């Protein structure tokens, strides 16, 4: 049989990861670019995804006509204008008929839980969303958008921290204030709070730019270096715990022992996850977390292959990408 080639793309607000692999699970190329979110920056995100596809094909040294299917799992995929713009660019490459565009959690859910109903996926990265499937219909809690009521995400934690620095009558201790300010200036490589604000306002990817500070905030909370950091992390985990409980109740999940699928850079942090488990301790007797064993970009490629009636052995992908996954540790 002639080799078939597949592209998988995982686009979040901070980073867009792409892989190109064949029907034997062999990876020919992998690459990543800046974030993509079709509901925030339709044209920029679409161009980044197209550039990523071209780069993957170029690095693989195959012809564009050899691509069998493309799976694009991207934040903001429900935005019709963004989808149409991206499909238009794909059509220029004669790839639109080979492409499936979906949100950036559906393919991860599909890979982890496969066709099972009742599984829950908790995604906390730059954004936050909790999803499950009941009677083959997706149930979603949160995931409305970075500035549309979602609390607990990486963006929210960093934004709230930076906002606290702006309040003249801030309630936080002066030493704590200074520690946070110094950490922020160091992270963003600026000398003052005003320089920090100017830096954020002038950055075209200011959502991911703001969210990039979250890792430092969580570390400060873990090391007990800042009361504000501790308070914000605990508040975030309590709200996410409420999302999970709401999802559980909506799905009528009655078991006190639960397996939760996790995804996203914030949730992969062991301290953050410990705080979340503490917030859930009155709701569940035992919580077990499972995470992807491959980059989410592969799940998008596998998803598109299956919808195009081509089955690839998942084990081949896992075995093939043991070393390649090192490139995506912080996605």
C-alpha atoms as a PDB file:
ATOM      1  CA  UNK A   1       0.000   0.000   0.000  1.00  0.00           C
ATOM      2  CA  UNK A   2       1.187   3.487  -0.812  1.00  0.00           C
ATOM      3  CA  UNK A   3       2.171   5.469   2.280  1.00  0.00           C
ATOM      4  CA  UNK A   4      -0.423   7.940   3.540  1.00  0.00           C
ATOM      5  CA  UNK A   5       0.511  11.122   5.366  1.00  0.00           C
ATOM      6  CA  UNK A   6      -1.362  12.907   8.127  1.00  0.00           C
ATOM      7  CA  UNK A   7      -1.011  16.264   9.843  1.00  0.00           C
ATOM      8  CA  UNK A   8      -2.151  17.002  13.374  1.00  0.00           C
ATOM      9  CA  UNK A   9      -2.238  20.505  14.839  1.00  0.00           C
ATOM     10  CA  UNK A  10      -3.007  21.509  18.410  1.00  0.00           C
ATOM     11  CA  UNK A  11      -3.618  25.248  18.668  1.00  0.00           C
ATOM     12  CA  UNK A  12      -3.923  26.949  22.029  1.00  0.00           C
ATOM     13  CA  UNK A  13      -3.660  30.581  23.033  1.00  0.00           C
ATOM     14  CA  UNK A  14       0.036  30.257  23.893  1.00  0.00           C
ATOM     15  CA  UNK A  15       1.478  27.732  21.461  1.00  0.00           C
ATOM     16  CA  UNK A  16       0.489  25.903  18.250  1.00  0.00           C
ATOM     17  CA  UNK A  17       2.125  22.504  17.813  1.00  0.00           C
ATOM     18  CA  UNK A  18       2.101  20.533  14.559  1.00  0.00           C
ATOM     19  CA  UNK A  19       3.224  17.035  13.580  1.00  0.00           C
ATOM     20  CA  UNK A  20       3.301  15.169  10.269  1.00  0.00           C
ATOM     21  CA  UNK A  21       3.313  11.375  10.383  1.00  0.00           C
ATOM     22  CA  UNK A  22       2.591   8.438   8.078  1.00  0.00           C
ATOM     23  CA  UNK A  23       0.202   5.495   8.271  1.00  0.00           C
ATOM     24  CA  UNK A  24       2.802   3.442  10.188  1.00  0.00           C
ATOM     25  CA  UNK A  25       2.939   6.039  12.939  1.00  0.00           C
ATOM     26  CA  UNK A  26       6.360   7.287  11.887  1.00  0.00           C
ATOM     27  CA  UNK A  27       6.860  11.001  12.486  1.00  0.00           C
ATOM     28  CA  UNK A  28       8.427  12.861   9.580  1.00  0.00           C
ATOM     29  CA  UNK A  29       8.432  16.343  11.076  1.00  0.00           C
ATOM     30  CA  UNK A  30       7.305  18.363  14.086  1.00  0.00           C
ATOM     31  CA  UNK A  31       7.260  22.107  14.622  1.00  0.00           C
ATOM     32  CA  UNK A  32       5.585  24.782  16.702  1.00  0.00           C
ATOM     33  CA  UNK A  33       4.706  28.443  16.299  1.00  0.00           C
ATOM     34  CA  UNK A  34       2.961  31.100  18.390  1.00  0.00           C
ATOM     35  CA  UNK A  35      -0.534  30.629  19.756  1.00  0.00           C
ATOM     36  CA  UNK A  36      -3.702  30.446  17.693  1.00  0.00           C
ATOM     37  CA  UNK A  37      -7.253  31.204  18.766  1.00  0.00           C
ATOM     38  CA  UNK A  38      -9.848  31.678  16.033  1.00  0.00           C
ATOM     39  CA  UNK A  39     -12.139  33.688  18.279  1.00  0.00           C
ATOM     40  CA  UNK A  40      -9.486  36.263  19.234  1.00  0.00           C
ATOM     41  CA  UNK A  41      -7.296  36.838  16.175  1.00  0.00           C
ATOM     42  CA  UNK A  42      -8.948  35.201  13.184  1.00  0.00           C
ATOM     43  CA  UNK A  43      -6.551  36.301  10.446  1.00  0.00           C
ATOM     44  CA  UNK A  44      -3.330  36.041  12.421  1.00  0.00           C
ATOM     45  CA  UNK A  45      -4.231  32.624  13.840  1.00  0.00           C
ATOM     46  CA  UNK A  46      -5.271  31.312  10.429  1.00  0.00           C
ATOM     47  CA  UNK A  47      -2.023  32.461   8.841  1.00  0.00           C
ATOM     48  CA  UNK A  48       0.018  30.875  11.610  1.00  0.00           C
ATOM     49  CA  UNK A  49      -1.714  27.538  11.096  1.00  0.00           C
ATOM     50  CA  UNK A  50      -1.184  27.687   7.329  1.00  0.00           C
ATOM     51  CA  UNK A  51       2.477  28.601   7.791  1.00  0.00           C
ATOM     52  CA  UNK A  52       2.827  25.684  10.192  1.00  0.00           C
ATOM     53  CA  UNK A  53       1.311  23.266   7.672  1.00  0.00           C
ATOM     54  CA  UNK A  54       3.650  24.505   4.942  1.00  0.00           C
ATOM     55  CA  UNK A  55       6.641  24.167   7.286  1.00  0.00           C
ATOM     56  CA  UNK A  56       5.723  20.593   8.236  1.00  0.00           C
ATOM     57  CA  UNK A  57       5.372  19.586   4.578  1.00  0.00           C
ATOM     58  CA  UNK A  58       8.605  21.354   3.613  1.00  0.00           C
ATOM     59  CA  UNK A  59      10.556  19.657   6.411  1.00  0.00           C
ATOM     60  CA  UNK A  60       9.095  16.263   5.527  1.00  0.00           C
ATOM     61  CA  UNK A  61      10.144  16.583   1.879  1.00  0.00           C
ATOM     62  CA  UNK A  62       6.833  15.276   0.581  1.00  0.00           C
ATOM     63  CA  UNK A  63       4.349  16.789  -1.842  1.00  0.00           C
ATOM     64  CA  UNK A  64       1.331  18.676  -0.573  1.00  0.00           C
ATOM     65  CA  UNK A  65      -0.898  16.392  -2.682  1.00  0.00           C
ATOM     66  CA  UNK A  66       0.352  13.413  -0.656  1.00  0.00           C
ATOM     67  CA  UNK A  67      -1.432  14.617   2.493  1.00  0.00           C
ATOM     68  CA  UNK A  68      -4.331  12.264   3.241  1.00  0.00           C
ATOM     69  CA  UNK A  69      -5.983  14.216   6.062  1.00  0.00           C
ATOM     70  CA  UNK A  70      -5.384  17.121   8.448  1.00  0.00           C
ATOM     71  CA  UNK A  71      -6.798  17.497  11.929  1.00  0.00           C
ATOM     72  CA  UNK A  72      -6.783  21.016  13.369  1.00  0.00           C
ATOM     73  CA  UNK A  73      -7.790  21.195  17.021  1.00  0.00           C
ATOM     74  CA  UNK A  74      -7.755  24.882  17.808  1.00  0.00           C
ATOM     75  CA  UNK A  75      -9.076  27.207  20.489  1.00  0.00           C
ATOM     76  CA  UNK A  76     -12.055  29.257  19.298  1.00  0.00           C
ATOM     77  CA  UNK A  77     -12.992  26.719  16.614  1.00  0.00           C
ATOM     78  CA  UNK A  78     -16.678  27.531  17.088  1.00  0.00           C
ATOM     79  CA  UNK A  79     -16.104  31.047  15.726  1.00  0.00           C
ATOM     80  CA  UNK A  80     -17.687  30.857  12.258  1.00  0.00           C
ATOM     81  CA  UNK A  81     -15.783  33.812  10.829  1.00  0.00           C
ATOM     82  CA  UNK A  82     -12.477  32.357  11.971  1.00  0.00           C
ATOM     83  CA  UNK A  83     -13.338  28.900  10.617  1.00  0.00           C
ATOM     84  CA  UNK A  84     -14.388  30.297   7.249  1.00  0.00           C
ATOM     85  CA  UNK A  85     -11.202  32.340   6.994  1.00  0.00           C
ATOM     86  CA  UNK A  86      -9.051  29.311   7.791  1.00  0.00           C
ATOM     87  CA  UNK A  87     -10.977  27.076   5.395  1.00  0.00           C
ATOM     88  CA  UNK A  88     -10.522  29.710   2.701  1.00  0.00           C
ATOM     89  CA  UNK A  89      -6.747  29.640   3.127  1.00  0.00           C
ATOM     90  CA  UNK A  90      -6.794  25.835   3.147  1.00  0.00           C
ATOM     91  CA  UNK A  91      -8.850  25.874  -0.047  1.00  0.00           C
ATOM     92  CA  UNK A  92      -6.097  27.899  -1.726  1.00  0.00           C
ATOM     93  CA  UNK A  93      -3.813  24.927  -1.029  1.00  0.00           C
ATOM     94  CA  UNK A  94      -6.453  22.374  -2.125  1.00  0.00           C
ATOM     95  CA  UNK A  95      -6.516  21.022   1.418  1.00  0.00           C
ATOM     96  CA  UNK A  96      -9.934  22.100   2.681  1.00  0.00           C
ATOM     97  CA  UNK A  97     -11.647  18.835   1.696  1.00  0.00           C
ATOM     98  CA  UNK A  98      -9.002  16.884   3.600  1.00  0.00           C
ATOM     99  CA  UNK A  99      -9.260  18.941   6.788  1.00  0.00           C
ATOM    100  CA  UNK A 100     -11.263  18.596   9.977  1.00  0.00           C
ATOM    101  CA  UNK A 101     -11.391  21.636  12.282  1.00  0.00           C
ATOM    102  CA  UNK A 102     -12.551  21.140  15.855  1.00  0.00           C
ATOM    103  CA  UNK A 103     -11.927  22.638  19.285  1.00  0.00           C
ATOM    104  CA  UNK A 104      -8.725  21.942  21.183  1.00  0.00           C
ATOM    105  CA  UNK A 105     -10.262  19.570  23.744  1.00  0.00           C
ATOM    106  CA  UNK A 106     -12.485  17.281  21.647  1.00  0.00           C
ATOM    107  CA  UNK A 107      -9.585  15.372  20.090  1.00  0.00           C
ATOM    108  CA  UNK A 108      -7.862  14.955  23.464  1.00  0.00           C
ATOM    109  CA  UNK A 109     -11.116  13.667  24.967  1.00  0.00           C
ATOM    110  CA  UNK A 110     -11.596  11.316  22.014  1.00  0.00           C
ATOM    111  CA  UNK A 111      -8.080   9.905  22.411  1.00  0.00           C
ATOM    112  CA  UNK A 112      -8.282   9.351  26.176  1.00  0.00           C
ATOM    113  CA  UNK A 113     -11.851   8.154  26.566  1.00  0.00           C
ATOM    114  CA  UNK A 114     -12.434   6.900  23.001  1.00  0.00           C
ATOM    115  CA  UNK A 115     -16.136   6.093  22.564  1.00  0.00           C
ATOM    116  CA  UNK A 116     -16.929   5.903  26.284  1.00  0.00           C
ATOM    117  CA  UNK A 117     -19.622   8.060  27.841  1.00  0.00           C
ATOM    118  CA  UNK A 118     -19.156   9.361  31.360  1.00  0.00           C
ATOM    119  CA  UNK A 119     -15.494  10.350  31.202  1.00  0.00           C
ATOM    120  CA  UNK A 120     -14.504  13.838  32.313  1.00  0.00           C
ATOM    121  CA  UNK A 121     -11.680  15.968  30.884  1.00  0.00           C
ATOM    122  CA  UNK A 122     -10.344  18.943  32.829  1.00  0.00           C
ATOM    123  CA  UNK A 123      -8.231  21.349  30.790  1.00  0.00           C
ATOM    124  CA  UNK A 124      -6.380  24.151  32.592  1.00  0.00           C
ATOM    125  CA  UNK A 125      -3.735  25.995  30.613  1.00  0.00           C
ATOM    126  CA  UNK A 126      -3.942  29.541  29.325  1.00  0.00           C
ATOM    127  CA  UNK A 127      -7.703  28.959  29.396  1.00  0.00           C
ATOM    128  CA  UNK A 128      -9.966  26.610  31.350  1.00  0.00           C
ATOM    129  CA  UNK A 129     -12.727  24.217  30.324  1.00  0.00           C
ATOM    130  CA  UNK A 130     -14.265  21.047  31.733  1.00  0.00           C
ATOM    131  CA  UNK A 131     -16.022  18.627  29.372  1.00  0.00           C
ATOM    132  CA  UNK A 132     -17.766  15.277  29.512  1.00  0.00           C
ATOM    133  CA  UNK A 133     -19.971  13.196  27.291  1.00  0.00           C
ATOM    134  CA  UNK A 134     -23.491  12.133  28.197  1.00  0.00           C
ATOM    135  CA  UNK A 135     -25.628  10.148  25.739  1.00  0.00           C
ATOM    136  CA  UNK A 136     -22.965  10.866  23.074  1.00  0.00           C
ATOM    137  CA  UNK A 137     -23.454  14.612  23.514  1.00  0.00           C
ATOM    138  CA  UNK A 138     -20.673  16.839  24.869  1.00  0.00           C
ATOM    139  CA  UNK A 139     -21.369  18.658  28.116  1.00  0.00           C
ATOM    140  CA  UNK A 140     -19.264  21.784  28.712  1.00  0.00           C
ATOM    141  CA  UNK A 141     -18.636  23.755  31.874  1.00  0.00           C
ATOM    142  CA  UNK A 142     -16.670  27.037  31.632  1.00  0.00           C
ATOM    143  CA  UNK A 143     -14.668  27.626  28.448  1.00  0.00           C
ATOM    144  CA  UNK A 144     -16.560  30.820  27.623  1.00  0.00           C
ATOM    145  CA  UNK A 145     -13.439  32.883  26.981  1.00  0.00           C
ATOM    146  CA  UNK A 146     -10.538  34.562  28.714  1.00  0.00           C
ATOM    147  CA  UNK A 147     -12.455  37.724  29.589  1.00  0.00           C
ATOM    148  CA  UNK A 148     -15.960  36.251  29.575  1.00  0.00           C
ATOM    149  CA  UNK A 149     -16.297  34.921  33.091  1.00  0.00           C
ATOM    150  CA  UNK A 150     -13.809  32.052  33.127  1.00  0.00           C
ATOM    151  CA  UNK A 151     -11.973  31.916  36.447  1.00  0.00           C
ATOM    152  CA  UNK A 152      -9.011  29.762  37.409  1.00  0.00           C
ATOM    153  CA  UNK A 153      -7.070  29.634  34.157  1.00  0.00           C
ATOM    154  CA  UNK A 154      -3.416  30.524  33.725  1.00  0.00           C
ATOM    155  CA  UNK A 155      -4.445  33.807  32.141  1.00  0.00           C
ATOM    156  CA  UNK A 156      -6.800  34.585  35.023  1.00  0.00           C
ATOM    157  CA  UNK A 157      -4.175  33.883  37.696  1.00  0.00           C
ATOM    158  CA  UNK A 158      -1.577  36.095  36.028  1.00  0.00           C
ATOM    159  CA  UNK A 159      -4.076  38.837  35.161  1.00  0.00           C
ATOM    160  CA  UNK A 160      -5.389  39.028  38.729  1.00  0.00           C
ATOM    161  CA  UNK A 161      -1.839  39.187  40.071  1.00  0.00           C
ATOM    162  CA  UNK A 162      -0.903  42.041  37.763  1.00  0.00           C
ATOM    163  CA  UNK A 163      -4.150  43.876  38.518  1.00  0.00           C
ATOM    164  CA  UNK A 164      -3.367  43.687  42.229  1.00  0.00           C
ATOM    165  CA  UNK A 165      -0.133  45.543  41.523  1.00  0.00           C
ATOM    166  CA  UNK A 166      -2.103  48.367  39.923  1.00  0.00           C
ATOM    167  CA  UNK A 167      -4.302  49.120  42.946  1.00  0.00           C
ATOM    168  CA  UNK A 168      -3.045  52.088  44.928  1.00  0.00           C
ATOM    169  CA  UNK A 169      -4.935  50.827  47.976  1.00  0.00           C
ATOM    170  CA  UNK A 170      -3.877  47.218  47.486  1.00  0.00           C
ATOM    171  CA  UNK A 171      -4.658  45.114  50.537  1.00  0.00           C
ATOM    172  CA  UNK A 172      -1.546  42.958  50.200  1.00  0.00           C
ATOM    173  CA  UNK A 173       1.443  43.374  52.496  1.00  0.00           C
ATOM    174  CA  UNK A 174       4.060  45.831  51.236  1.00  0.00           C
ATOM    175  CA  UNK A 175       6.799  43.201  51.288  1.00  0.00           C
ATOM    176  CA  UNK A 176       4.551  40.775  49.419  1.00  0.00           C
ATOM    177  CA  UNK A 177       3.733  43.545  46.923  1.00  0.00           C
ATOM    178  CA  UNK A 178       7.421  44.185  46.342  1.00  0.00           C
ATOM    179  CA  UNK A 179       8.169  40.470  45.897  1.00  0.00           C
ATOM    180  CA  UNK A 180       5.451  40.129  43.257  1.00  0.00           C
ATOM    181  CA  UNK A 181       6.538  43.315  41.493  1.00  0.00           C
ATOM    182  CA  UNK A 182      10.166  42.199  41.383  1.00  0.00           C
ATOM    183  CA  UNK A 183       9.155  38.773  40.102  1.00  0.00           C
ATOM    184  CA  UNK A 184       6.984  40.340  37.382  1.00  0.00           C
ATOM    185  CA  UNK A 185       9.680  42.790  36.282  1.00  0.00           C
ATOM    186  CA  UNK A 186      12.225  39.985  36.171  1.00  0.00           C
ATOM    187  CA  UNK A 187       9.911  37.713  34.202  1.00  0.00           C
ATOM    188  CA  UNK A 188       8.982  40.356  31.627  1.00  0.00           C
ATOM    189  CA  UNK A 189      12.485  41.834  31.593  1.00  0.00           C
ATOM    190  CA  UNK A 190      11.393  45.376  32.472  1.00  0.00           C
ATOM    191  CA  UNK A 191      12.491  47.862  35.161  1.00  0.00           C
ATOM    192  CA  UNK A 192       9.218  49.259  36.497  1.00  0.00           C
ATOM    193  CA  UNK A 193       5.490  48.657  36.725  1.00  0.00           C
ATOM    194  CA  UNK A 194       4.825  51.277  34.056  1.00  0.00           C
ATOM    195  CA  UNK A 195       7.317  49.562  31.736  1.00  0.00           C
ATOM    196  CA  UNK A 196       5.467  46.309  32.435  1.00  0.00           C
ATOM    197  CA  UNK A 197       2.098  47.795  31.448  1.00  0.00           C
ATOM    198  CA  UNK A 198       3.605  49.293  28.286  1.00  0.00           C
ATOM    199  CA  UNK A 199       5.165  45.946  27.430  1.00  0.00           C
ATOM    200  CA  UNK A 200       1.833  44.116  27.809  1.00  0.00           C
ATOM    201  CA  UNK A 201      -0.157  46.715  25.850  1.00  0.00           C
ATOM    202  CA  UNK A 202       2.298  46.655  22.958  1.00  0.00           C
ATOM    203  CA  UNK A 203       2.399  42.860  22.678  1.00  0.00           C
ATOM    204  CA  UNK A 204       0.084  41.517  19.922  1.00  0.00           C
ATOM    205  CA  UNK A 205      -0.247  38.205  21.821  1.00  0.00           C
ATOM    206  CA  UNK A 206      -0.974  39.820  25.151  1.00  0.00           C
ATOM    207  CA  UNK A 207      -3.172  36.969  26.424  1.00  0.00           C
ATOM    208  CA  UNK A 208      -0.400  34.400  26.165  1.00  0.00           C
ATOM    209  CA  UNK A 209       2.108  37.082  27.207  1.00  0.00           C
ATOM    210  CA  UNK A 210       0.183  37.740  30.416  1.00  0.00           C
ATOM    211  CA  UNK A 211      -0.412  34.024  31.063  1.00  0.00           C
ATOM    212  CA  UNK A 212       3.300  33.249  30.775  1.00  0.00           C
ATOM    213  CA  UNK A 213       3.761  34.716  34.275  1.00  0.00           C
ATOM    214  CA  UNK A 214       1.538  32.038  35.841  1.00  0.00           C
ATOM    215  CA  UNK A 215       4.276  29.443  36.201  1.00  0.00           C
ATOM    216  CA  UNK A 216       6.262  31.842  38.394  1.00  0.00           C
ATOM    217  CA  UNK A 217       3.210  32.712  40.506  1.00  0.00           C
ATOM    218  CA  UNK A 218       2.452  29.040  41.185  1.00  0.00           C
ATOM    219  CA  UNK A 219       6.099  28.468  42.116  1.00  0.00           C
ATOM    220  CA  UNK A 220       5.973  31.391  44.557  1.00  0.00           C
ATOM    221  CA  UNK A 221       2.841  29.906  46.116  1.00  0.00           C
ATOM    222  CA  UNK A 222       4.467  26.483  46.401  1.00  0.00           C
ATOM    223  CA  UNK A 223       7.546  27.977  48.071  1.00  0.00           C
ATOM    224  CA  UNK A 224       5.386  30.072  50.415  1.00  0.00           C
ATOM    225  CA  UNK A 225       7.011  33.237  49.065  1.00  0.00           C
ATOM    226  CA  UNK A 226       3.835  35.255  48.578  1.00  0.00           C
ATOM    227  CA  UNK A 227       0.489  35.355  50.376  1.00  0.00           C
ATOM    228  CA  UNK A 228      -1.102  36.815  47.244  1.00  0.00           C
ATOM    229  CA  UNK A 229       0.185  33.954  45.096  1.00  0.00           C
ATOM    230  CA  UNK A 230      -1.117  31.397  47.603  1.00  0.00           C
ATOM    231  CA  UNK A 231      -4.502  33.116  47.782  1.00  0.00           C
ATOM    232  CA  UNK A 232      -4.922  33.285  43.992  1.00  0.00           C
ATOM    233  CA  UNK A 233      -3.872  29.667  43.414  1.00  0.00           C
ATOM    234  CA  UNK A 234      -6.266  28.483  46.120  1.00  0.00           C
ATOM    235  CA  UNK A 235      -9.078  30.612  44.720  1.00  0.00           C
ATOM    236  CA  UNK A 236      -8.421  29.264  41.229  1.00  0.00           C
ATOM    237  CA  UNK A 237      -8.485  25.652  42.387  1.00  0.00           C
ATOM    238  CA  UNK A 238     -11.669  26.164  44.421  1.00  0.00           C
ATOM    239  CA  UNK A 239     -13.475  27.594  41.392  1.00  0.00           C
ATOM    240  CA  UNK A 240     -12.216  24.795  39.124  1.00  0.00           C
ATOM    241  CA  UNK A 241     -13.369  22.301  41.765  1.00  0.00           C
ATOM    242  CA  UNK A 242     -16.832  23.888  41.521  1.00  0.00           C
ATOM    243  CA  UNK A 243     -16.703  23.456  37.724  1.00  0.00           C
ATOM    244  CA  UNK A 244     -15.853  19.773  38.160  1.00  0.00           C
ATOM    245  CA  UNK A 245     -18.673  19.242  40.667  1.00  0.00           C
ATOM    246  CA  UNK A 246     -21.123  20.973  38.325  1.00  0.00           C
ATOM    247  CA  UNK A 247     -19.956  18.741  35.466  1.00  0.00           C
ATOM    248  CA  UNK A 248     -20.280  15.656  37.666  1.00  0.00           C
ATOM    249  CA  UNK A 249     -23.826  16.585  38.698  1.00  0.00           C
ATOM    250  CA  UNK A 250     -24.859  17.406  35.129  1.00  0.00           C
ATOM    251  CA  UNK A 251     -23.578  14.018  33.989  1.00  0.00           C
ATOM    252  CA  UNK A 252     -25.198  12.325  37.008  1.00  0.00           C
ATOM    253  CA  UNK A 253     -21.920  10.714  37.989  1.00  0.00           C
ATOM    254  CA  UNK A 254     -22.532   9.100  41.382  1.00  0.00           C
ATOM    255  CA  UNK A 255     -19.261   7.334  42.166  1.00  0.00           C
ATOM    256  CA  UNK A 256     -17.164   8.650  45.060  1.00  0.00           C
ATOM    257  CA  UNK A 257     -13.980   7.332  43.411  1.00  0.00           C
ATOM    258  CA  UNK A 258     -13.215   9.177  40.205  1.00  0.00           C
ATOM    259  CA  UNK A 259     -10.726   9.096  37.341  1.00  0.00           C
ATOM    260  CA  UNK A 260     -10.210  12.521  35.796  1.00  0.00           C
ATOM    261  CA  UNK A 261      -8.438  13.121  32.506  1.00  0.00           C
ATOM    262  CA  UNK A 262      -6.216  16.168  32.766  1.00  0.00           C
ATOM    263  CA  UNK A 263      -4.736  18.452  30.150  1.00  0.00           C
ATOM    264  CA  UNK A 264      -3.006  21.829  30.029  1.00  0.00           C
ATOM    265  CA  UNK A 265       0.259  23.235  31.354  1.00  0.00           C
ATOM    266  CA  UNK A 266      -1.221  24.609  34.587  1.00  0.00           C
ATOM    267  CA  UNK A 267      -2.944  21.358  35.524  1.00  0.00           C
ATOM    268  CA  UNK A 268       0.241  19.400  34.837  1.00  0.00           C
ATOM    269  CA  UNK A 269       1.851  21.316  37.690  1.00  0.00           C
ATOM    270  CA  UNK A 270       1.887  18.924  40.668  1.00  0.00           C
ATOM    271  CA  UNK A 271       1.433  21.670  43.292  1.00  0.00           C
ATOM    272  CA  UNK A 272      -1.568  23.155  41.489  1.00  0.00           C
ATOM    273  CA  UNK A 273      -3.077  19.676  41.120  1.00  0.00           C
ATOM    274  CA  UNK A 274      -2.519  18.966  44.820  1.00  0.00           C
ATOM    275  CA  UNK A 275      -4.406  22.139  45.723  1.00  0.00           C
ATOM    276  CA  UNK A 276      -7.202  21.127  43.355  1.00  0.00           C
ATOM    277  CA  UNK A 277      -7.403  17.681  44.953  1.00  0.00           C
ATOM    278  CA  UNK A 278      -7.683  19.364  48.350  1.00  0.00           C
ATOM    279  CA  UNK A 279     -10.554  21.502  47.059  1.00  0.00           C
ATOM    280  CA  UNK A 280     -12.305  18.340  45.853  1.00  0.00           C
ATOM    281  CA  UNK A 281     -11.649  16.277  48.967  1.00  0.00           C
ATOM    282  CA  UNK A 282     -15.189  16.706  50.331  1.00  0.00           C
ATOM    283  CA  UNK A 283     -16.717  15.573  47.025  1.00  0.00           C
ATOM    284  CA  UNK A 284     -14.649  12.477  46.178  1.00  0.00           C
ATOM    285  CA  UNK A 285     -13.010   9.787  48.297  1.00  0.00           C
ATOM    286  CA  UNK A 286     -10.279   9.052  45.789  1.00  0.00           C
ATOM    287  CA  UNK A 287      -9.122  10.988  42.710  1.00  0.00           C
ATOM    288  CA  UNK A 288      -6.857   9.540  40.038  1.00  0.00           C
ATOM    289  CA  UNK A 289      -5.512  11.698  37.197  1.00  0.00           C
ATOM    290  CA  UNK A 290      -4.578  10.483  33.740  1.00  0.00           C
ATOM    291  CA  UNK A 291      -2.775  12.548  31.094  1.00  0.00           C
ATOM    292  CA  UNK A 292      -1.885  12.132  27.435  1.00  0.00           C
ATOM    293  CA  UNK A 293       1.105   9.942  26.636  1.00  0.00           C
ATOM    294  CA  UNK A 294       1.697  11.845  23.373  1.00  0.00           C
ATOM    295  CA  UNK A 295       1.526  15.457  22.246  1.00  0.00           C
ATOM    296  CA  UNK A 296      -2.063  16.649  21.715  1.00  0.00           C
ATOM    297  CA  UNK A 297      -1.147  17.407  18.092  1.00  0.00           C
ATOM    298  CA  UNK A 298      -1.095  13.663  17.388  1.00  0.00           C
ATOM    299  CA  UNK A 299      -4.611  13.248  18.756  1.00  0.00           C
ATOM    300  CA  UNK A 300      -5.839  15.784  16.181  1.00  0.00           C
ATOM    301  CA  UNK A 301      -4.121  13.882  13.359  1.00  0.00           C
ATOM    302  CA  UNK A 302      -5.506  10.542  14.539  1.00  0.00           C
ATOM    303  CA  UNK A 303      -8.966  12.087  14.885  1.00  0.00           C
ATOM    304  CA  UNK A 304      -8.910  13.325  11.277  1.00  0.00           C
ATOM    305  CA  UNK A 305      -7.627   9.963  10.003  1.00  0.00           C
ATOM    306  CA  UNK A 306     -10.476   8.106  11.697  1.00  0.00           C
ATOM    307  CA  UNK A 307     -13.091  10.515  10.320  1.00  0.00           C
ATOM    308  CA  UNK A 308     -11.579   9.925   6.863  1.00  0.00           C
ATOM    309  CA  UNK A 309     -12.018   6.154   7.430  1.00  0.00           C
ATOM    310  CA  UNK A 310      -8.342   5.378   7.936  1.00  0.00           C
ATOM    311  CA  UNK A 311      -7.274   3.591  11.104  1.00  0.00           C
ATOM    312  CA  UNK A 312      -3.783   4.012  12.559  1.00  0.00           C
ATOM    313  CA  UNK A 313      -2.579   1.909  15.476  1.00  0.00           C
ATOM    314  CA  UNK A 314      -2.285   4.219  18.504  1.00  0.00           C
ATOM    315  CA  UNK A 315       0.541   2.076  19.885  1.00  0.00           C
ATOM    316  CA  UNK A 316       2.707   2.885  16.868  1.00  0.00           C
ATOM    317  CA  UNK A 317       2.354   6.598  17.568  1.00  0.00           C
ATOM    318  CA  UNK A 318       3.242   6.193  21.235  1.00  0.00           C
ATOM    319  CA  UNK A 319       6.266   4.018  20.499  1.00  0.00           C
ATOM    320  CA  UNK A 320       7.484   6.290  17.722  1.00  0.00           C
ATOM    321  CA  UNK A 321       7.307   9.524  19.723  1.00  0.00           C
ATOM    322  CA  UNK A 322       9.018   8.611  22.988  1.00  0.00           C
ATOM    323  CA  UNK A 323      11.923  10.963  22.253  1.00  0.00           C
ATOM    324  CA  UNK A 324      10.040  13.488  20.139  1.00  0.00           C
ATOM    325  CA  UNK A 325       7.739  14.255  23.057  1.00  0.00           C
ATOM    326  CA  UNK A 326      10.692  15.936  24.793  1.00  0.00           C
ATOM    327  CA  UNK A 327      10.140  18.875  22.401  1.00  0.00           C
ATOM    328  CA  UNK A 328       6.691  19.526  23.862  1.00  0.00           C
ATOM    329  CA  UNK A 329       7.274  19.273  27.597  1.00  0.00           C
ATOM    330  CA  UNK A 330       5.951  22.735  28.364  1.00  0.00           C
ATOM    331  CA  UNK A 331       2.995  22.934  25.978  1.00  0.00           C
END
